[in-house]
Structures are given as structure tokens and as C-alpha cells.
Amino acid sequence: MLIPYQLLEPETLDALLEDFVTRDGTDNGDDSSLEVRVAQVRRLLERKEVVIVFHPDTGDTSLAHRHSVPPELLEAFLE
């Protein structure tokens, strides 16, 4: 299930983005500050290049590049 970022409380979205950019393997050698990396991912969300995916079976939430999302899910989300 895809979740529009606008539906999240600002604090929840900030926490999700901070969690994502601080995970092992996500810095790719980037020495930017936490704030800069969060802002970069926020812009990707705003441009719909990245989407928030909620996995109801596990209760986990993750970010995914739109190209990795099944077309039928993405189609309804982008309307």
C-alpha cells in the first residue's frame, strides 16, 4: 500500500526520513549533514520519484523508488 507523504504528521514524516537516511548502506559515501540528506529525500517524495510503502503484513514502512513499485499500485497512487 502506498501512502501519500502529505497524509503523515510532519513529525512522523521527519522521523521516517531520518530513519531512512541513517540506515546502514544509505549514505553511499555522502558526507552531507542529516538535514541535507533528509531534504534531498523529501524533494524526491515531492517529485514522486520516491514513494512511501506500508507493508500491512508486517506493519513496516519503507521508501521505494517509483520504478520498483508494481505499475498497478503506482497508477492509482499517481492519479
C-alpha atoms as a PDB file:
ATOM      1  CA  MET A   1       0.000   0.000   0.000  1.00  0.00           C
ATOM      2  CA  LEU A   2       1.377   3.403  -0.979  1.00  0.00           C
ATOM      3  CA  ILE A   3       0.955   6.274   1.465  1.00  0.00           C
ATOM      4  CA  PRO A   4       0.943   9.892   0.274  1.00  0.00           C
ATOM      5  CA  TYR A   5       3.542  11.725   2.344  1.00  0.00           C
ATOM      6  CA  GLN A   6       1.102  14.615   2.801  1.00  0.00           C
ATOM      7  CA  LEU A   7      -1.109  12.392   4.970  1.00  0.00           C
ATOM      8  CA  LEU A   8       1.616  11.935   7.577  1.00  0.00           C
ATOM      9  CA  GLU A   9       2.047  14.269  10.503  1.00  0.00           C
ATOM     10  CA  PRO A  10       5.171  16.408   9.933  1.00  0.00           C
ATOM     11  CA  GLU A  11       6.943  14.819  12.911  1.00  0.00           C
ATOM     12  CA  THR A  12       6.157  11.322  11.639  1.00  0.00           C
ATOM     13  CA  LEU A  13       7.437  12.127   8.162  1.00  0.00           C
ATOM     14  CA  ASP A  14      10.616  13.657   9.605  1.00  0.00           C
ATOM     15  CA  ALA A  15      11.216  10.539  11.711  1.00  0.00           C
ATOM     16  CA  LEU A  16      10.635   8.257   8.706  1.00  0.00           C
ATOM     17  CA  LEU A  17      13.038  10.245   6.536  1.00  0.00           C
ATOM     18  CA  GLU A  18      15.683  10.437   9.266  1.00  0.00           C
ATOM     19  CA  ASP A  19      15.415   6.683   9.821  1.00  0.00           C
ATOM     20  CA  PHE A  20      15.822   6.061   6.112  1.00  0.00           C
ATOM     21  CA  VAL A  21      18.868   8.279   5.563  1.00  0.00           C
ATOM     22  CA  THR A  22      20.669   6.924   8.637  1.00  0.00           C
ATOM     23  CA  ARG A  23      20.302   3.226   7.806  1.00  0.00           C
ATOM     24  CA  ASP A  24      23.455   1.298   7.056  1.00  0.00           C
ATOM     25  CA  GLY A  25      24.311   1.469   3.382  1.00  0.00           C
ATOM     26  CA  THR A  26      22.229   4.530   2.548  1.00  0.00           C
ATOM     27  CA  ASP A  27      24.911   7.195   2.794  1.00  0.00           C
ATOM     28  CA  ASN A  28      26.859   5.963  -0.257  1.00  0.00           C
ATOM     29  CA  GLY A  29      29.878   7.919   0.935  1.00  0.00           C
ATOM     30  CA  ASP A  30      27.832  11.103   1.222  1.00  0.00           C
ATOM     31  CA  ASP A  31      29.299  13.404   3.866  1.00  0.00           C
ATOM     32  CA  SER A  32      26.268  15.715   3.849  1.00  0.00           C
ATOM     33  CA  SER A  33      24.587  16.567   7.115  1.00  0.00           C
ATOM     34  CA  LEU A  34      21.493  14.729   8.275  1.00  0.00           C
ATOM     35  CA  GLU A  35      19.369  17.773   7.459  1.00  0.00           C
ATOM     36  CA  VAL A  36      20.680  17.939   3.896  1.00  0.00           C
ATOM     37  CA  ARG A  37      20.099  14.221   3.277  1.00  0.00           C
ATOM     38  CA  VAL A  38      16.569  14.429   4.721  1.00  0.00           C
ATOM     39  CA  ALA A  39      15.830  17.438   2.486  1.00  0.00           C
ATOM     40  CA  GLN A  40      17.093  15.559  -0.566  1.00  0.00           C
ATOM     41  CA  VAL A  41      14.788  12.605   0.102  1.00  0.00           C
ATOM     42  CA  ARG A  42      11.885  14.970   0.867  1.00  0.00           C
ATOM     43  CA  ARG A  43      12.357  16.537  -2.585  1.00  0.00           C
ATOM     44  CA  LEU A  44      12.275  13.070  -4.163  1.00  0.00           C
ATOM     45  CA  LEU A  45       8.957  12.437  -2.384  1.00  0.00           C
ATOM     46  CA  GLU A  46       7.569  15.764  -3.572  1.00  0.00           C
ATOM     47  CA  ARG A  47       8.548  14.929  -7.168  1.00  0.00           C
ATOM     48  CA  LYS A  48       7.014  11.443  -6.731  1.00  0.00           C
ATOM     49  CA  GLU A  49      10.312   9.788  -7.641  1.00  0.00           C
ATOM     50  CA  VAL A  50      10.224   8.024  -4.281  1.00  0.00           C
ATOM     51  CA  VAL A  51       7.091   6.732  -2.551  1.00  0.00           C
ATOM     52  CA  ILE A  52       6.229   5.588   0.959  1.00  0.00           C
ATOM     53  CA  VAL A  53       5.278   1.927   1.087  1.00  0.00           C
ATOM     54  CA  PHE A  54       3.346   0.458   4.008  1.00  0.00           C
ATOM     55  CA  HIS A  55       3.540  -3.324   4.332  1.00  0.00           C
ATOM     56  CA  PRO A  56       0.316  -4.337   6.126  1.00  0.00           C
ATOM     57  CA  ASP A  57       1.525  -7.905   6.757  1.00  0.00           C
ATOM     58  CA  THR A  58       4.497  -6.741   8.817  1.00  0.00           C
ATOM     59  CA  GLY A  59       3.498  -3.212   9.814  1.00  0.00           C
ATOM     60  CA  ASP A  60       6.760  -1.931   8.320  1.00  0.00           C
ATOM     61  CA  THR A  61       7.064   1.280   6.369  1.00  0.00           C
ATOM     62  CA  SER A  62       9.757   1.887   3.784  1.00  0.00           C
ATOM     63  CA  LEU A  63      10.684   4.163   0.927  1.00  0.00           C
ATOM     64  CA  ALA A  64      10.920   2.841  -2.616  1.00  0.00           C
ATOM     65  CA  HIS A  65      11.879   4.302  -5.951  1.00  0.00           C
ATOM     66  CA  ARG A  66       8.755   4.542  -8.090  1.00  0.00           C
ATOM     67  CA  HIS A  67      10.323   2.278 -10.746  1.00  0.00           C
ATOM     68  CA  SER A  68      10.417  -0.578  -8.228  1.00  0.00           C
ATOM     69  CA  VAL A  69       6.699  -0.313  -7.400  1.00  0.00           C
ATOM     70  CA  PRO A  70       4.231  -2.535  -9.275  1.00  0.00           C
ATOM     71  CA  PRO A  71       2.539  -0.465 -12.004  1.00  0.00           C
ATOM     72  CA  GLU A  72      -0.983  -1.189 -10.757  1.00  0.00           C
ATOM     73  CA  LEU A  73      -0.174   0.284  -7.328  1.00  0.00           C
ATOM     74  CA  LEU A  74       1.621   3.265  -8.789  1.00  0.00           C
ATOM     75  CA  GLU A  75      -1.114   4.017 -11.320  1.00  0.00           C
ATOM     76  CA  ALA A  76      -3.778   4.546  -8.661  1.00  0.00           C
ATOM     77  CA  PHE A  77      -1.365   6.486  -6.458  1.00  0.00           C
ATOM     78  CA  LEU A  78      -0.295   8.988  -9.094  1.00  0.00           C
ATOM     79  CA  GLU A  79      -3.824   9.910 -10.208  1.00  0.00           C
END
